[in-house]
Protein backbone atom coordinates (compact mmCIF):
# COMPACT_ATOMS: atom_id res chain seq x y z
CA MET A 1 17.97 -10.12 -71.33
CA THR A 2 17.62 -13.90 -71.19
CA ALA A 3 15.11 -13.84 -74.06
CA ALA A 4 17.44 -11.72 -76.22
CA LEU A 5 20.37 -14.06 -75.69
CA SER A 6 18.17 -17.05 -76.48
CA GLY A 7 17.03 -15.32 -79.71
CA ILE A 8 20.63 -14.67 -80.77
CA ALA A 9 21.55 -18.33 -80.10
CA PHE A 10 18.53 -19.41 -82.21
CA VAL A 11 19.61 -17.21 -85.14
CA CYS A 12 23.14 -18.58 -84.93
CA GLY A 13 21.76 -22.11 -85.01
CA ILE A 14 19.74 -21.39 -88.19
CA PHE A 15 22.82 -19.85 -89.75
CA VAL A 16 24.83 -22.99 -89.04
CA LEU A 17 22.14 -25.17 -90.61
CA LEU A 18 21.72 -23.09 -93.78
CA THR A 19 25.31 -22.24 -94.58
CA THR A 20 28.04 -24.50 -95.82
CA GLY A 21 30.91 -22.10 -95.27
CA GLN A 22 32.71 -21.12 -92.09
CA GLN A 23 30.30 -22.17 -89.29
CA THR A 24 32.58 -22.16 -86.23
CA PRO A 25 32.13 -18.48 -85.21
CA ALA A 26 28.33 -18.78 -85.39
CA LEU A 27 28.42 -21.97 -83.32
CA VAL A 28 30.68 -20.36 -80.71
CA ALA A 29 28.41 -17.31 -80.55
CA ALA A 30 25.35 -19.52 -80.05
CA ILE A 31 27.04 -21.46 -77.22
CA PHE A 32 28.24 -18.21 -75.61
CA CYS A 33 24.74 -16.70 -75.72
CA LEU A 34 23.26 -19.83 -74.20
CA ALA A 35 25.87 -19.77 -71.43
CA LEU A 36 25.09 -16.12 -70.67
CA GLY A 37 21.40 -16.94 -70.59
CA GLN A 38 22.04 -19.67 -68.03
CA VAL A 39 24.11 -17.26 -65.95
CA PHE A 40 21.26 -14.72 -65.93
CA ILE A 41 18.77 -17.46 -65.08
CA ALA A 42 20.98 -18.61 -62.17
CA MET A 43 21.39 -15.03 -60.91
CA ASN A 44 17.63 -14.42 -61.03
CA ALA A 45 17.00 -17.69 -59.23
CA GLN A 46 19.56 -16.80 -56.54
CA SER A 47 17.99 -13.35 -56.12
CA ARG A 48 14.54 -14.90 -55.73
CA ASP A 49 15.94 -17.44 -53.24
CA ALA A 50 17.49 -14.66 -51.17
CA SER A 51 14.23 -12.69 -51.22
CA ILE A 52 12.24 -15.76 -50.17
CA ALA A 53 14.78 -16.51 -47.40
CA GLU A 54 14.46 -12.91 -46.11
CA GLU A 55 10.69 -13.14 -46.06
CA LEU A 56 10.86 -16.49 -44.25
CA HIS A 57 13.23 -14.95 -41.67
CA MET A 58 10.88 -12.02 -41.10
CA LEU A 59 7.92 -14.37 -40.76
CA ASN A 60 9.85 -16.46 -38.24
CA GLN A 61 10.77 -13.36 -36.23
CA GLN A 62 7.15 -12.23 -36.23
CA HIS A 63 6.09 -15.69 -35.08
CA LEU A 64 8.59 -15.60 -32.22
CA LEU A 65 7.40 -12.10 -31.27
CA ASN A 66 3.79 -13.25 -31.28
CA ASP A 67 4.71 -16.24 -29.10
CA ARG A 68 6.49 -13.97 -26.63
CA LYS A 69 3.58 -11.52 -26.49
CA TYR A 70 1.21 -14.40 -25.93
CA ALA A 71 3.35 -15.74 -23.09
CA GLU A 72 3.61 -12.27 -21.53
CA THR A 73 -0.15 -11.82 -21.74
CA PHE A 74 -1.10 -15.31 -20.67
CA ALA A 75 1.18 -15.46 -17.61
CA PRO A 76 -0.27 -12.34 -15.88
CA ALA A 77 -3.78 -13.43 -16.77
CA ASN A 78 -3.16 -16.84 -15.25
CA LEU A 79 -1.59 -15.22 -12.18
CA PHE A 80 -4.54 -12.84 -11.90
CA ASP A 81 -6.98 -15.77 -11.96
CA THR A 82 -4.95 -17.49 -9.24
CA GLU A 83 -4.94 -14.33 -7.10
CA ILE A 84 -8.71 -13.90 -7.53
CA THR A 85 -9.29 -17.50 -6.46
CA ASP A 86 -7.04 -17.01 -3.43
CA LEU A 87 -8.78 -13.75 -2.49
CA LYS A 88 -12.17 -15.44 -2.70
CA ARG A 89 -10.91 -18.22 -0.43
CA ARG A 90 -9.55 -15.72 2.08
CA SER A 91 -12.75 -13.70 1.93
CA ARG A 92 -14.84 -16.76 2.76
CA ARG A 93 -12.53 -17.64 5.64
CA PHE A 94 -12.56 -14.05 6.89
CA GLU A 95 -16.38 -13.92 6.82
CA THR A 96 -16.54 -17.20 8.76
CA ASP A 97 -14.12 -15.90 11.40
CA LEU A 98 -16.00 -12.63 11.61
CA ASP A 99 -19.29 -14.45 12.21
CA GLU A 100 -17.66 -16.44 14.99
CA ILE A 101 -16.27 -13.26 16.57
CA ARG A 102 -19.64 -11.55 16.39
CA ALA A 103 -21.32 -14.54 17.96
CA ALA A 104 -18.73 -14.59 20.76
CA SER A 105 -19.18 -10.85 21.29
CA ARG A 106 -22.94 -11.25 21.60
CA MET A 107 -22.46 -13.99 24.18
CA GLN A 108 -20.02 -11.82 26.14
CA PHE A 109 -22.42 -8.90 26.03
CA GLN A 110 -25.26 -11.07 27.25
CA GLU A 111 -23.07 -12.37 30.08
CA ILE A 112 -22.03 -8.84 31.09
CA THR A 113 -25.66 -7.68 30.98
CA LYS A 114 -26.70 -10.59 33.19
CA ARG A 115 -23.98 -9.79 35.72
CA TYR A 116 -24.92 -6.12 35.70
CA GLU A 117 -28.57 -6.94 36.39
CA GLN A 118 -27.56 -9.25 39.21
CA ALA A 119 -25.29 -6.61 40.73
CA THR A 120 -28.01 -3.98 40.46
CA ALA A 121 -30.48 -6.29 42.17
CA ASN A 122 -28.01 -7.00 44.99
CA ILE A 123 -27.40 -3.27 45.54
CA ALA A 124 -31.14 -2.60 45.67
CA ALA A 125 -31.65 -5.40 48.17
CA ARG A 126 -28.78 -4.28 50.46
CA PRO A 127 -29.94 -2.55 53.71
CA ALA A 128 -29.52 1.22 53.70
CA ALA A 129 -27.22 1.13 56.71
CA GLU A 130 -24.82 -1.24 54.99
CA PRO A 131 -22.02 0.71 53.29
CA ALA A 132 -21.27 -0.10 49.68
CA PRO A 133 -17.93 -1.82 49.13
CA ALA A 134 -15.13 0.37 47.80
CA ALA A 135 -14.57 0.08 44.07
CA PRO A 136 -11.22 -1.45 43.18
CA LEU A 137 -8.67 0.84 41.60
CA ARG A 138 -8.34 0.36 37.86
CA GLU A 139 -6.05 1.51 35.10
CA GLN A 140 -7.44 4.50 33.23
CA LEU A 141 -6.88 4.93 29.52
CA ASN A 142 -6.56 8.60 28.61
CA ILE A 143 -7.38 9.62 25.05
CA LEU A 144 -5.46 12.66 23.81
CA LEU A 145 -5.80 14.66 20.60
CA GLN A 146 -2.76 16.33 19.05
CA PRO A 147 -3.56 19.01 16.44
CA ILE A 148 -2.10 18.79 12.94
CA ILE A 149 -1.57 22.33 11.67
CA ASP A 150 -1.97 23.35 8.03
CA LEU A 151 0.87 25.83 7.39
CA SER A 152 -1.04 27.43 4.53
CA SER A 153 -3.71 28.66 6.95
CA ASN A 154 -2.06 28.19 10.39
CA ALA A 155 -5.25 26.42 11.46
CA THR A 156 -5.90 22.94 12.83
CA ALA A 157 -6.68 20.69 9.87
CA HIS A 158 -6.63 17.23 11.46
CA TYR A 159 -5.91 15.46 14.75
CA ARG A 160 -3.56 12.67 15.81
CA THR A 161 -4.96 10.31 18.42
CA ARG A 162 -2.61 9.69 21.31
CA PHE A 163 -3.16 7.84 24.56
CA SER A 164 -1.64 7.35 27.95
CA ILE A 165 -2.38 5.24 31.01
CA THR A 166 -2.99 6.45 34.54
CA ALA A 167 -1.96 3.43 36.59
CA SER A 168 -3.80 2.33 39.73
CA ASP A 169 -1.04 3.90 41.84
CA GLY A 170 -1.43 7.26 40.10
CA ARG A 171 1.60 7.02 37.81
CA GLU A 172 1.23 8.41 34.29
CA ILE A 173 2.52 6.24 31.45
CA ASP A 174 3.05 8.37 28.33
CA PHE A 175 2.32 7.39 24.75
CA GLU A 176 5.83 6.39 23.67
CA LYS A 177 6.48 4.15 26.66
CA LEU A 178 3.00 2.70 26.54
CA VAL A 179 3.32 1.70 22.86
CA VAL A 180 6.77 0.14 23.32
CA ASN A 181 5.75 -1.90 26.35
CA ALA A 182 2.39 -2.87 24.82
CA ASP A 183 4.25 -4.24 21.79
CA ARG A 184 6.67 -6.16 23.99
CA GLY A 185 3.93 -7.58 26.18
CA GLY A 186 1.64 -8.64 23.32
CA LEU A 187 -1.03 -6.11 24.39
CA ARG A 188 -0.91 -3.89 21.30
CA PRO A 189 -3.81 -5.48 19.34
CA GLY A 190 -6.29 -5.05 22.21
CA LEU A 191 -5.08 -1.51 22.83
CA ASP A 192 -5.45 -0.54 19.15
CA VAL A 193 -8.96 -1.94 18.99
CA HIS A 194 -9.99 -0.03 22.11
CA VAL A 195 -8.49 3.26 20.89
CA THR A 196 -10.12 2.84 17.47
CA ASN A 197 -13.53 2.34 19.05
CA ASN A 198 -13.05 5.53 21.10
CA ALA A 199 -11.61 7.60 18.24
CA ILE A 200 -14.46 6.98 15.80
CA PRO A 201 -17.18 8.80 17.80
CA LEU A 202 -14.71 11.64 18.44
CA LEU A 203 -14.16 12.04 14.71
CA ARG A 204 -17.90 11.95 14.09
CA ARG A 205 -18.39 14.89 16.48
CA LEU A 206 -15.45 16.86 15.05
CA ARG A 207 -16.70 16.43 11.48
CA VAL A 208 -19.94 18.20 12.30
CA LYS A 209 -17.99 21.47 12.18
CA ASN A 210 -15.28 20.42 9.73
CA PRO A 211 -16.38 17.69 7.26
CA ASP A 212 -12.84 17.41 5.84
CA MET A 213 -11.16 16.68 9.16
CA LYS A 214 -9.23 13.44 9.54
CA MET A 215 -8.34 11.42 12.62
CA PHE A 216 -4.92 9.74 12.65
CA ILE A 217 -5.01 6.56 14.75
CA PRO A 218 -1.85 4.55 15.59
CA ILE A 219 -1.88 0.87 14.66
CA GLY A 220 0.80 -1.76 15.15
CA ALA A 221 2.04 -4.61 13.01
CA ALA A 222 0.76 -7.09 15.63
CA THR A 223 -2.77 -5.77 15.13
CA LEU A 224 -2.62 -6.12 11.37
CA THR A 225 -1.46 -9.73 11.66
CA SER A 226 -4.00 -10.73 14.33
CA GLU A 227 -7.10 -12.03 12.59
CA LYS A 228 -9.39 -11.47 15.60
CA SER A 229 -8.15 -7.94 16.35
CA LEU A 230 -8.20 -6.98 12.69
CA ALA A 231 -11.76 -8.28 12.43
CA MET A 232 -12.75 -6.04 15.34
CA VAL A 233 -11.13 -3.02 13.69
CA THR A 234 -12.82 -3.64 10.33
CA ASP A 235 -16.10 -4.33 12.12
CA ALA A 236 -15.79 -0.91 13.80
CA LEU A 237 -15.08 0.67 10.40
CA SER A 238 -18.07 -1.12 8.90
CA GLY A 239 -20.27 0.61 11.45
CA ALA A 240 -18.65 3.97 10.72
CA ARG A 241 -19.15 4.25 6.96
CA ASP A 242 -20.18 7.90 7.40
CA VAL A 243 -16.71 8.87 8.68
CA ALA A 244 -14.51 6.01 7.41
CA ALA A 245 -12.94 8.26 4.77
CA GLY A 246 -11.68 10.49 7.57
CA ILE A 247 -9.84 7.71 9.42
CA VAL A 248 -6.10 7.44 8.79
CA PHE A 249 -4.21 4.61 10.48
CA GLU A 250 -0.61 5.43 11.37
CA LEU A 251 1.91 2.65 10.74
CA SER A 252 5.57 3.23 11.56
CA HIS A 253 8.24 2.67 8.91
CA GLY A 254 9.81 0.02 11.15
CA ASP A 255 6.54 -1.91 11.47
CA LEU A 256 6.03 -1.77 7.70
CA GLY A 257 9.30 -3.64 7.21
CA ARG A 258 8.13 -6.37 9.60
CA LEU A 259 4.79 -7.01 7.91
CA ASN A 260 4.27 -10.49 6.54
CA GLU A 261 1.64 -11.61 4.03
CA ALA A 262 -1.06 -11.57 6.71
CA GLY A 263 -0.14 -7.98 7.57
CA VAL A 264 -0.39 -6.85 3.94
CA THR A 265 -3.77 -8.56 3.75
CA GLY A 266 -4.75 -6.63 6.87
CA LEU A 267 -3.87 -3.35 5.16
CA ALA A 268 -6.03 -4.36 2.20
CA SER A 269 -8.94 -5.14 4.56
CA ILE A 270 -8.71 -1.67 6.08
CA ALA A 271 -8.51 -0.03 2.66
CA ARG A 272 -11.67 -1.84 1.55
CA MET A 273 -13.53 -0.17 4.43
CA GLY A 274 -12.63 3.29 3.12
CA ALA A 275 -9.87 4.17 5.60
CA THR A 276 -6.40 5.24 4.49
CA MET A 277 -2.87 4.81 5.83
CA ALA A 278 -0.04 7.08 6.94
CA LEU A 279 3.55 5.90 7.09
CA MET A 280 5.15 7.59 10.10
CA ASN A 281 8.77 8.01 11.21
CA ALA A 282 9.82 7.56 7.59
CA SER A 283 13.51 7.35 6.79
CA VAL A 284 15.10 8.85 3.71
CA GLY A 285 15.95 5.50 2.10
CA GLY A 286 14.35 2.12 1.54
CA LEU A 287 10.90 3.24 0.39
CA ASP A 288 9.08 2.05 -2.74
CA PHE A 289 6.65 4.91 -3.34
CA ALA A 290 4.64 3.03 -5.97
CA SER A 291 4.12 0.10 -3.59
CA LEU A 292 3.08 2.46 -0.79
CA ARG A 293 0.36 3.93 -3.01
CA HIS A 294 -0.80 0.40 -3.81
CA LEU A 295 -1.07 -0.33 -0.06
CA GLY A 296 -3.34 2.68 0.49
CA VAL A 297 -0.75 5.02 2.01
CA LYS A 298 -1.56 8.69 1.36
CA PHE A 299 0.42 10.46 4.09
CA ILE A 300 4.11 10.25 5.00
CA GLY A 301 5.20 11.47 8.42
CA ILE A 302 8.78 12.64 9.02
CA ASP A 303 10.26 13.21 12.46
CA ALA A 304 11.44 16.82 12.70
CA ASN A 305 14.53 15.75 14.63
CA SER A 306 15.80 13.75 11.64
CA VAL A 307 15.45 16.51 9.06
CA ASP A 308 17.78 19.28 10.30
CA SER A 309 21.25 18.18 11.39
CA GLY A 310 22.27 21.68 12.50
CA VAL A 311 23.23 23.22 9.16
CA GLY A 312 19.81 23.39 7.57
CA VAL A 313 17.62 20.82 5.87
CA ALA A 314 19.68 18.05 4.28
CA SER A 315 19.53 17.90 0.47
CA THR A 316 18.61 14.21 0.65
CA TRP A 317 15.41 15.12 2.48
CA LEU A 318 14.56 17.79 -0.06
CA GLU A 319 14.98 15.24 -2.87
CA PHE A 320 12.93 12.71 -0.88
CA VAL A 321 10.07 15.18 -0.43
CA GLN A 322 10.12 16.17 -4.10
CA ILE A 323 9.79 12.55 -5.20
CA ALA A 324 7.07 11.85 -2.62
CA ARG A 325 5.05 14.83 -3.79
CA GLY A 326 5.41 13.57 -7.34
CA TYR A 327 3.55 10.45 -6.18
CA GLN A 328 0.90 12.73 -4.58
CA PHE A 329 1.78 11.93 -0.97
CA GLN A 330 0.95 14.50 1.70
CA ILE A 331 3.94 15.18 3.98
CA ILE A 332 3.56 15.73 7.74
CA LEU A 333 6.48 16.96 9.85
CA THR A 334 5.92 15.52 13.33
CA ASP A 335 7.24 16.14 16.85
CA VAL A 336 8.31 19.74 16.21
CA ILE A 337 9.63 20.95 19.56
CA ASN A 338 11.50 24.21 18.89
CA SER A 339 11.53 27.30 16.69
CA LYS A 340 14.48 26.11 14.60
CA GLN A 341 12.59 22.99 13.51
CA ALA A 342 9.49 25.10 12.92
CA ALA A 343 11.43 27.53 10.70
CA SER A 344 12.55 24.73 8.37
CA SER A 345 9.20 22.92 8.36
CA ALA A 346 7.81 24.82 5.37
CA GLN A 347 10.61 23.43 3.17
CA ILE A 348 9.48 19.89 3.97
CA ALA A 349 5.77 19.74 4.63
CA ARG A 350 2.43 21.40 4.39
CA PHE A 351 1.25 19.85 7.66
CA VAL A 352 3.07 19.96 11.01
CA SER A 353 2.44 18.76 14.55
CA GLY A 354 4.25 18.80 17.83
CA PRO A 355 4.46 20.61 21.18
CA PHE A 356 5.86 23.77 19.58
CA PHE A 357 2.61 24.33 17.67
CA ALA A 358 0.06 22.74 20.00
CA PRO A 359 0.37 20.12 22.76
CA ALA A 360 -1.81 17.02 22.88
CA ARG A 361 -4.86 17.54 25.08
CA LYS A 362 -6.81 14.94 27.02
CA VAL A 363 -10.36 14.18 26.02
CA LYS A 364 -12.85 13.45 28.76
CA PHE A 365 -13.87 9.85 28.28
CA ASN A 366 -15.12 7.05 30.50
CA ALA A 367 -12.28 4.88 29.31
CA GLY A 368 -11.61 2.75 32.40
CA LEU A 369 -10.20 -0.54 31.21
CA GLY A 370 -10.76 -2.65 34.30
CA ALA A 371 -10.04 -6.31 33.72
CA GLN A 372 -10.68 -6.16 29.97
CA PHE A 373 -7.04 -5.26 29.23
CA ASP A 374 -4.50 -5.79 31.99
CA LEU A 375 -2.23 -2.92 31.01
CA SER A 376 -0.33 -2.74 34.27
CA ALA A 377 2.39 -4.69 32.46
CA ALA A 378 2.85 -1.67 30.19
CA ALA A 379 4.01 0.43 33.11
């Protein structure tokens, strides 16, 4: 179009030069064509400017997007490097502490062996007529196993480890009271270590007949935050690699909420040894299922008394269980004490435990604590 208008203006110009008559119309036409040509040139230039501006805007947006993606990628990578460095530092510190604990344990064992040999020698040298002194009364730790029933087969699938104390005066301190008072008195870490050491050989024997059996062992927040006690637990797991996958540590929902950074690190230490976790006495709200999976939790225990309020299973619990199963958690309904709770158990869980199905039974063990753990305070 611009070329055509320019051509017309050129013809008009030649006409003006060659003619001597009326030249004004030709001159006006030439000027008008030139003006239109300039208009078209300006419009084309404006169109190109707009197109270039749009391309520049798109390039700028792409640049900003690339910068944001880079920042999003770089920040986690930098955080990951920081976490790795921190984990390496903790690992080195943990190994140093563990070496110190092992060394102290060897010294204690050597001291106990020396005392035993001396006592044996003294007994052998004592005249036959001299009566042996009466042994002092000691607290007795009783290990109990509570069956976990698989409702699909009505058979015992796993066991929960429970414990009680027979005091020196003959009184029996049951599991619930013992745990509460051990937590209050600061005795829980030593108790958990002792029970873990006794439960592992029990599981080893039970797995001879049932390789898939698991042993649920209670553990407290104080144990997970105690470096020495945690080291003893992980040391026991290190020596039980053949059955570590069958060990499930029970942590109550209340204790989970009280865990600090050291406690979370303790959970990670246990997970590295192959053991798993069970969150017991779970409540219907306040749980992050994704975080629980990250912490190594595979079982969720629900108290039967909290599920049925008298008019059937609450809908909130049914929704809770559906979501938990979506995250591949196994549900255990615990402390079932009557037929009504048992009747509703199938709506909630595959696994159940409690006196209604099978009571906890004592296991014969030489578990005298003596002076190692002064648990009389737990009475």
